[in-house]
C-alpha atoms as a PDB file:
ATOM      1  CA  MET A   1     356.888  85.795  69.179  1.00  0.00           C
ATOM      2  CA  ASN A   2     360.631  85.859  69.795  1.00  0.00           C
ATOM      3  CA  TYR A   3     362.530  87.391  72.709  1.00  0.00           C
ATOM      4  CA  ALA A   4     363.183  90.698  70.936  1.00  0.00           C
ATOM      5  CA  ALA A   5     359.467  91.102  70.191  1.00  0.00           C
ATOM      6  CA  PHE A   6     358.664  90.217  73.799  1.00  0.00           C
ATOM      7  CA  ARG A   7     360.967  92.955  75.110  1.00  0.00           C
ATOM      8  CA  GLN A   8     359.455  95.502  72.721  1.00  0.00           C
ATOM      9  CA  LYS A   9     355.887  94.599  73.657  1.00  0.00           C
ATOM     10  CA  ILE A  10     356.378  94.085  77.391  1.00  0.00           C
ATOM     11  CA  HIS A  11     358.395  96.793  79.078  1.00  0.00           C
ATOM     12  CA  ILE A  12     360.070  95.480  82.222  1.00  0.00           C
ATOM     13  CA  SER A  13     362.566  97.641  84.048  1.00  0.00           C
ATOM     14  CA  ARG A  14     363.989  97.706  87.540  1.00  0.00           C
ATOM     15  CA  GLU A  15     362.378 101.121  88.037  1.00  0.00           C
ATOM     16  CA  ASP A  16     358.926  99.797  87.093  1.00  0.00           C
ATOM     17  CA  ILE A  17     359.279  96.926  89.538  1.00  0.00           C
ATOM     18  CA  CYS A  18     360.402  99.279  92.311  1.00  0.00           C
ATOM     19  CA  LEU A  19     357.488 101.622  91.587  1.00  0.00           C
ATOM     20  CA  ASN A  20     355.091  98.705  92.014  1.00  0.00           C
ATOM     21  CA  ILE A  21     356.755  97.717  95.273  1.00  0.00           C
ATOM     22  CA  TYR A  22     356.525 101.305  96.491  1.00  0.00           C
ATOM     23  CA  ALA A  23     352.815 101.462  95.623  1.00  0.00           C
ATOM     24  CA  GLN A  24     352.116  98.230  97.499  1.00  0.00           C
ATOM     25  CA  ASN A  25     354.215  98.998 100.584  1.00  0.00           C
ATOM     26  CA  ARG A  26     354.280 102.790 100.936  1.00  0.00           C
ATOM     27  CA  GLU A  27     352.675 102.649 104.401  1.00  0.00           C
ATOM     28  CA  LYS A  28     355.604 100.546 105.653  1.00  0.00           C
ATOM     29  CA  PHE A  29     358.362 102.850 104.436  1.00  0.00           C
ATOM     30  CA  ARG A  30     359.599 105.570 106.750  1.00  0.00           C
ATOM     31  CA  ILE A  31     360.936 107.490 103.757  1.00  0.00           C
ATOM     32  CA  LYS A  32     357.998 109.077 101.917  1.00  0.00           C
ATOM     33  CA  LYS A  33     359.664 110.736  98.920  1.00  0.00           C
ATOM     34  CA  GLU A  34     358.829 108.480  95.977  1.00  0.00           C
ATOM     35  CA  LYS A  35     361.925 109.246  93.898  1.00  0.00           C
ATOM     36  CA  THR A  36     364.243 108.472  96.815  1.00  0.00           C
ATOM     37  CA  VAL A  37     362.381 105.296  97.735  1.00  0.00           C
ATOM     38  CA  VAL A  38     362.411 103.947  94.172  1.00  0.00           C
ATOM     39  CA  LYS A  39     366.109 104.737  93.743  1.00  0.00           C
ATOM     40  CA  ASN A  40     367.085 103.028  97.007  1.00  0.00           C
ATOM     41  CA  LEU A  41     364.779 100.061  96.441  1.00  0.00           C
ATOM     42  CA  GLY A  42     366.669  99.467  93.203  1.00  0.00           C
ATOM     43  CA  LYS A  43     369.925  99.335  95.140  1.00  0.00           C
ATOM     44  CA  ILE A  44     368.403  97.095  97.817  1.00  0.00           C
ATOM     45  CA  PHE A  45     366.941  94.507  95.464  1.00  0.00           C
ATOM     46  CA  THR A  46     369.951  94.449  93.147  1.00  0.00           C
ATOM     47  CA  ALA A  47     372.212  93.825  96.145  1.00  0.00           C
ATOM     48  CA  ALA A  48     369.894  91.183  97.625  1.00  0.00           C
ATOM     49  CA  LEU A  49     369.798  89.203  94.377  1.00  0.00           C
ATOM     50  CA  LYS A  50     373.549  89.505  93.860  1.00  0.00           C
ATOM     51  CA  ILE A  51     374.459  88.372  97.383  1.00  0.00           C
ATOM     52  CA  SER A  52     371.896  85.572  97.298  1.00  0.00           C
ATOM     53  CA  ASN A  53     373.276  84.210  94.023  1.00  0.00           C
ATOM     54  CA  GLU A  54     376.841  84.387  95.363  1.00  0.00           C
ATOM     55  CA  LYS A  55     376.479  82.902  98.848  1.00  0.00           C
ATOM     56  CA  GLY A  56     372.812  82.644  99.829  1.00  0.00           C
ATOM     57  CA  PHE A  57     370.436  85.184 101.311  1.00  0.00           C
ATOM     58  CA  GLN A  58     370.503  83.762 104.837  1.00  0.00           C
ATOM     59  CA  ALA A  59     374.299  84.017 104.951  1.00  0.00           C
ATOM     60  CA  MET A  60     374.082  87.734 104.237  1.00  0.00           C
ATOM     61  CA  SER A  61     374.858  90.019 107.171  1.00  0.00           C
ATOM     62  CA  MET A  62     373.380  93.498 107.429  1.00  0.00           C
ATOM     63  CA  ARG A  63     376.922  94.872 107.436  1.00  0.00           C
ATOM     64  CA  ASN A  64     377.653  93.187 104.093  1.00  0.00           C
ATOM     65  CA  PHE A  65     374.287  94.299 102.771  1.00  0.00           C
ATOM     66  CA  SER A  66     374.980  97.886 103.810  1.00  0.00           C
ATOM     67  CA  LYS A  67     378.339  97.817 102.044  1.00  0.00           C
ATOM     68  CA  GLU A  68     376.851  96.364  98.848  1.00  0.00           C
ATOM     69  CA  THR A  69     373.995  98.890  98.675  1.00  0.00           C
ATOM     70  CA  GLY A  70     375.988 101.910  99.817  1.00  0.00           C
ATOM     71  CA  LEU A  71     373.236 102.627 102.361  1.00  0.00           C
ATOM     72  CA  SER A  72     373.689 102.729 106.117  1.00  0.00           C
ATOM     73  CA  ILE A  73     372.131  99.986 108.231  1.00  0.00           C
ATOM     74  CA  GLY A  74     369.776 102.588 109.688  1.00  0.00           C
ATOM     75  CA  ALA A  75     368.699 103.649 106.194  1.00  0.00           C
ATOM     76  CA  LEU A  76     368.071 100.029 105.211  1.00  0.00           C
ATOM     77  CA  TYR A  77     365.727  99.559 108.155  1.00  0.00           C
ATOM     78  CA  SER A  78     363.663 102.464 106.815  1.00  0.00           C
ATOM     79  CA  TYR A  79     362.496 100.071 104.089  1.00  0.00           C
ATOM     80  CA  PHE A  80     362.146  96.770 105.926  1.00  0.00           C
ATOM     81  CA  SER A  81     362.180  95.655 109.547  1.00  0.00           C
ATOM     82  CA  SER A  82     363.982  92.349 109.021  1.00  0.00           C
ATOM     83  CA  LYS A  83     365.566  90.161 106.372  1.00  0.00           C
ATOM     84  CA  ASP A  84     362.432  88.004 106.459  1.00  0.00           C
ATOM     85  CA  GLU A  85     360.293  91.005 105.543  1.00  0.00           C
ATOM     86  CA  LEU A  86     362.654  91.913 102.695  1.00  0.00           C
ATOM     87  CA  LEU A  87     362.566  88.336 101.424  1.00  0.00           C
ATOM     88  CA  GLU A  88     358.771  88.303 101.531  1.00  0.00           C
ATOM     89  CA  MET A  89     358.605  91.661  99.714  1.00  0.00           C
ATOM     90  CA  ILE A  90     360.794  90.426  96.866  1.00  0.00           C
ATOM     91  CA  GLN A  91     358.952  87.128  96.565  1.00  0.00           C
ATOM     92  CA  ARG A  92     355.485  88.685  96.621  1.00  0.00           C
ATOM     93  CA  GLN A  93     356.300  91.212  93.916  1.00  0.00           C
ATOM     94  CA  GLY A  94     357.677  88.477  91.684  1.00  0.00           C
ATOM     95  CA  ARG A  95     354.612  86.278  92.120  1.00  0.00           C
ATOM     96  CA  LEU A  96     352.258  89.135  91.296  1.00  0.00           C
ATOM     97  CA  MET A  97     354.238  90.097  88.202  1.00  0.00           C
ATOM     98  CA  VAL A  98     354.289  86.574  86.745  1.00  0.00           C
ATOM     99  CA  LYS A  99     350.559  86.101  87.332  1.00  0.00           C
ATOM    100  CA  ARG A 100     349.684  89.501  85.856  1.00  0.00           C
ATOM    101  CA  LEU A 101     351.703  88.962  82.682  1.00  0.00           C
ATOM    102  CA  LEU A 102     350.361  85.462  82.117  1.00  0.00           C
ATOM    103  CA  ASP A 103     346.776  86.592  82.701  1.00  0.00           C
ATOM    104  CA  ASP A 104     347.148  89.671  80.479  1.00  0.00           C
ATOM    105  CA  HIS A 105     348.455  87.701  77.513  1.00  0.00           C
ATOM    106  CA  ILE A 106     346.649  84.360  77.520  1.00  0.00           C
ATOM    107  CA  LEU A 107     343.133  84.957  78.870  1.00  0.00           C
ATOM    108  CA  ALA A 108     341.971  86.678  75.679  1.00  0.00           C
ATOM    109  CA  LEU A 109     343.104  83.758  73.486  1.00  0.00           C
ATOM    110  CA  GLU A 110     340.452  81.150  72.707  1.00  0.00           C
ATOM    111  CA  ASP A 111     342.461  78.479  70.899  1.00  0.00           C
ATOM    112  CA  PRO A 112     344.079  76.176  73.503  1.00  0.00           C
ATOM    113  CA  LEU A 113     347.206  75.587  71.415  1.00  0.00           C
ATOM    114  CA  ASP A 114     347.722  79.339  70.985  1.00  0.00           C
ATOM    115  CA  ARG A 115     347.206  79.827  74.725  1.00  0.00           C
ATOM    116  CA  LEU A 116     349.689  77.103  75.616  1.00  0.00           C
ATOM    117  CA  ARG A 117     352.325  78.400  73.212  1.00  0.00           C
ATOM    118  CA  LYS A 118     351.930  81.951  74.516  1.00  0.00           C
ATOM    119  CA  ALA A 119     352.076  80.846  78.176  1.00  0.00           C
ATOM    120  CA  ILE A 120     355.278  78.869  77.557  1.00  0.00           C
ATOM    121  CA  CYS A 121     356.970  81.708  75.666  1.00  0.00           C
ATOM    122  CA  ILE A 122     355.921  84.350  78.211  1.00  0.00           C
ATOM    123  CA  HIS A 123     357.339  82.257  81.053  1.00  0.00           C
ATOM    124  CA  ILE A 124     360.649  81.565  79.291  1.00  0.00           C
ATOM    125  CA  TYR A 125     361.148  85.134  78.082  1.00  0.00           C
ATOM    126  CA  LEU A 126     360.173  86.625  81.440  1.00  0.00           C
ATOM    127  CA  SER A 127     362.628  84.334  83.217  1.00  0.00           C
ATOM    128  CA  GLU A 128     365.302  85.458  80.749  1.00  0.00           C
ATOM    129  CA  ALA A 129     364.598  89.138  81.387  1.00  0.00           C
ATOM    130  CA  LEU A 130     364.496  88.615  85.159  1.00  0.00           C
ATOM    131  CA  GLN A 131     366.776  85.595  85.596  1.00  0.00           C
ATOM    132  CA  PRO A 132     368.342  86.730  88.905  1.00  0.00           C
ATOM    133  CA  TRP A 133     364.901  87.104  90.487  1.00  0.00           C
ATOM    134  CA  PHE A 134     363.621  83.733  89.186  1.00  0.00           C
ATOM    135  CA  TYR A 135     366.728  81.998  90.518  1.00  0.00           C
ATOM    136  CA  PHE A 136     366.458  83.861  93.816  1.00  0.00           C
ATOM    137  CA  SER A 137     362.768  83.015  94.149  1.00  0.00           C
ATOM    138  CA  TYR A 138     363.347  79.307  93.655  1.00  0.00           C
ATOM    139  CA  MET A 139     366.453  78.979  95.813  1.00  0.00           C
ATOM    140  CA  GLU A 140     365.308  81.146  98.724  1.00  0.00           C
ATOM    141  CA  ALA A 141     361.774  79.754  99.112  1.00  0.00           C
ATOM    142  CA  LYS A 142     363.160  77.193 101.577  1.00  0.00           C
ATOM    143  CA  ASN A 143     364.360  79.999 103.862  1.00  0.00           C
ATOM    144  CA  MET A 144     360.985  81.707 104.224  1.00  0.00           C
ATOM    145  CA  ASN A 145     358.839  81.476 107.339  1.00  0.00           C
ATOM    146  CA  ARG A 146     355.996  78.990 107.289  1.00  0.00           C
ATOM    147  CA  ALA A 147     353.293  81.430 106.203  1.00  0.00           C
ATOM    148  CA  GLU A 148     355.348  82.845 103.338  1.00  0.00           C
ATOM    149  CA  LYS A 149     356.562  79.407 102.311  1.00  0.00           C
ATOM    150  CA  GLU A 150     352.939  78.320 101.969  1.00  0.00           C
ATOM    151  CA  LYS A 151     352.283  81.349  99.752  1.00  0.00           C
ATOM    152  CA  ALA A 152     355.267  80.427  97.577  1.00  0.00           C
ATOM    153  CA  LEU A 153     354.038  76.847  97.271  1.00  0.00           C
ATOM    154  CA  ALA A 154     350.533  78.075  96.442  1.00  0.00           C
ATOM    155  CA  SER A 155     352.004  80.293  93.725  1.00  0.00           C
ATOM    156  CA  GLU A 156     353.934  77.333  92.306  1.00  0.00           C
ATOM    157  CA  LEU A 157     350.750  75.280  92.171  1.00  0.00           C
ATOM    158  CA  ALA A 158     348.820  78.198  90.666  1.00  0.00           C
ATOM    159  CA  THR A 159     351.264  78.380  87.752  1.00  0.00           C
ATOM    160  CA  ASP A 160     350.947  74.626  87.253  1.00  0.00           C
ATOM    161  CA  LEU A 161     347.172  75.064  87.284  1.00  0.00           C
ATOM    162  CA  ILE A 162     347.331  77.617  84.469  1.00  0.00           C
ATOM    163  CA  PHE A 163     349.031  75.042  82.236  1.00  0.00           C
ATOM    164  CA  ALA A 164     346.792  72.202  83.445  1.00  0.00           C
ATOM    165  CA  ASP A 165     343.630  74.205  82.697  1.00  0.00           C
ATOM    166  CA  ILE A 166     344.842  74.996  79.175  1.00  0.00           C
ATOM    167  CA  ILE A 167     345.605  71.310  78.625  1.00  0.00           C
ATOM    168  CA  ARG A 168     342.131  70.320  79.874  1.00  0.00           C
ATOM    169  CA  GLN A 169     340.593  72.872  77.520  1.00  0.00           C
ATOM    170  CA  GLY A 170     342.535  71.402  74.614  1.00  0.00           C
ATOM    171  CA  GLN A 171     341.514  67.878  75.548  1.00  0.00           C
ATOM    172  CA  SER A 172     337.843  68.877  75.778  1.00  0.00           C
ATOM    173  CA  SER A 173     337.974  70.347  72.273  1.00  0.00           C
ATOM    174  CA  GLY A 174     339.816  67.309  70.913  1.00  0.00           C
ATOM    175  CA  THR A 175     342.937  69.349  70.138  1.00  0.00           C
ATOM    176  CA  PHE A 176     345.210  67.597  72.655  1.00  0.00           C
ATOM    177  CA  LEU A 177     345.771  63.944  73.453  1.00  0.00           C
ATOM    178  CA  PRO A 178     344.166  62.597  76.661  1.00  0.00           C
ATOM    179  CA  ARG A 179     347.243  62.706  78.893  1.00  0.00           C
ATOM    180  CA  ASP A 180     347.128  63.474  82.621  1.00  0.00           C
ATOM    181  CA  PRO A 181     346.804  67.307  82.739  1.00  0.00           C
ATOM    182  CA  GLN A 182     348.518  67.765  86.108  1.00  0.00           C
ATOM    183  CA  LEU A 183     351.484  65.549  85.298  1.00  0.00           C
ATOM    184  CA  THR A 184     351.841  67.164  81.882  1.00  0.00           C
ATOM    185  CA  ALA A 185     351.705  70.653  83.413  1.00  0.00           C
ATOM    186  CA  GLY A 186     354.294  69.675  86.020  1.00  0.00           C
ATOM    187  CA  LEU A 187     356.615  68.354  83.329  1.00  0.00           C
ATOM    188  CA  ILE A 188     356.263  71.564  81.311  1.00  0.00           C
ATOM    189  CA  LYS A 189     357.020  73.641  84.414  1.00  0.00           C
ATOM    190  CA  ALA A 190     360.151  71.596  85.146  1.00  0.00           C
ATOM    191  CA  ILE A 191     361.431  72.188  81.603  1.00  0.00           C
ATOM    192  CA  LEU A 192     360.749  75.913  81.944  1.00  0.00           C
ATOM    193  CA  GLN A 193     362.614  76.071  85.262  1.00  0.00           C
ATOM    194  CA  ASP A 194     365.668  74.407  83.751  1.00  0.00           C
ATOM    195  CA  TRP A 195     366.288  77.545  81.696  1.00  0.00           C
ATOM    196  CA  TYR A 196     366.905  79.830  84.669  1.00  0.00           C
ATOM    197  CA  LEU A 197     368.169  77.294  87.217  1.00  0.00           C
ATOM    198  CA  LYS A 198     370.823  75.802  84.901  1.00  0.00           C
ATOM    199  CA  ARG A 199     371.754  78.974  83.059  1.00  0.00           C
ATOM    200  CA  TRP A 200     375.450  78.068  83.062  1.00  0.00           C
ATOM    201  CA  LYS A 201     374.755  74.829  81.196  1.00  0.00           C
ATOM    202  CA  HIS A 202     372.835  76.483  78.365  1.00  0.00           C
ATOM    203  CA  ALA A 203     375.358  79.323  78.145  1.00  0.00           C
ATOM    204  CA  LYS A 204     378.195  76.803  77.814  1.00  0.00           C
ATOM    205  CA  ARG A 205     376.326  75.113  74.969  1.00  0.00           C
ATOM    206  CA  LYS A 206     375.646  78.516  73.372  1.00  0.00           C
ATOM    207  CA  ILE A 207     371.884  77.950  73.425  1.00  0.00           C
ATOM    208  CA  SER A 208     369.933  81.186  72.972  1.00  0.00           C
ATOM    209  CA  VAL A 209     366.631  81.881  74.681  1.00  0.00           C
ATOM    210  CA  ASP A 210     364.829  81.719  71.319  1.00  0.00           C
ATOM    211  CA  GLN A 211     366.406  78.339  70.540  1.00  0.00           C
ATOM    212  CA  TYR A 212     365.315  77.034  73.926  1.00  0.00           C
ATOM    213  CA  ALA A 213     361.771  78.357  73.510  1.00  0.00           C
ATOM    214  CA  ARG A 214     361.434  76.715  70.079  1.00  0.00           C
ATOM    215  CA  PHE A 215     362.771  73.426  71.416  1.00  0.00           C
ATOM    216  CA  VAL A 216     360.358  73.450  74.366  1.00  0.00           C
ATOM    217  CA  LEU A 217     357.424  74.150  72.054  1.00  0.00           C
ATOM    218  CA  GLU A 218     358.447  71.290  69.753  1.00  0.00           C
ATOM    219  CA  CYS A 219     358.766  68.873  72.680  1.00  0.00           C
ATOM    220  CA  VAL A 220     355.461  69.869  74.260  1.00  0.00           C
ATOM    221  CA  GLU A 221     353.598  69.721  70.962  1.00  0.00           C
ATOM    222  CA  ALA A 222     355.069  66.284  70.217  1.00  0.00           C
ATOM    223  CA  MET A 223     353.779  65.132  73.600  1.00  0.00           C
ATOM    224  CA  ILE A 224     350.233  66.521  73.483  1.00  0.00           C
ATOM    225  CA  LEU A 225     349.214  66.787  69.820  1.00  0.00           C
ATOM    226  CA  PRO A 226     347.878  63.924  67.687  1.00  0.00           C
ATOM    227  CA  CYS A 227     350.356  62.965  64.969  1.00  0.00           C
ATOM    228  CA  PRO A 228     348.363  64.378  61.985  1.00  0.00           C
ATOM    229  CA  ALA A 229     347.993  67.758  63.718  1.00  0.00           C
ATOM    230  CA  LEU A 230     351.675  67.807  64.605  1.00  0.00           C
ATOM    231  CA  ALA A 231     352.686  66.943  61.061  1.00  0.00           C
ATOM    232  CA  GLY A 232     350.514  69.778  59.750  1.00  0.00           C
ATOM    233  CA  ILE A 233     352.133  72.294  62.079  1.00  0.00           C
ATOM    234  CA  ARG A 234     355.652  71.308  61.037  1.00  0.00           C
ATOM    235  CA  LYS A 235     355.057  71.765  57.317  1.00  0.00           C
END
């Protein structure tokens, strides 16, 4: 699966994300008209990600936020009561989306190598499609309150666990080498994060998302597969 096939198979739009947020938080919003809420949520989240990437979410004033969204400060408070609540809303939606997509596309696969390849590609391609959110999520986790920070850390560990469980499955079947599953999963996650955290570096080198995905797969397979199996795959 390449990035183009991913985008054709998995439809991700700002409107879809805002619809999900509306469905999960409708009791909190003072505005009840769905079309209006979804439209304004799009403005709110686009502005939040833009300002965060430029100067940091905590440095954002409500006056600047109002100017960027084109909504009055009073209108903004119809959707969230504080910047902390907005931050939590964005983070929670992102965590749910990543988990849902990974679960939907790897749980049905039985072969551990197929599952690992699919999980890696899904993560890379999703972070390409939603790079501003992935960057925001990583950089702003430190600014969350204690309860939300713990949720973010738990989500980070949960993603690591998905990879670790696949690696354990492959080791049990004799497909993968007996390397430490947690350390291997953590290393894979770090390589995946490099794509959206160091976007400028890969853009400067003219590395496409498909090139990066292929390279990651080659590196991971070289690390976990016995040499005969690896040689067979490369033929």
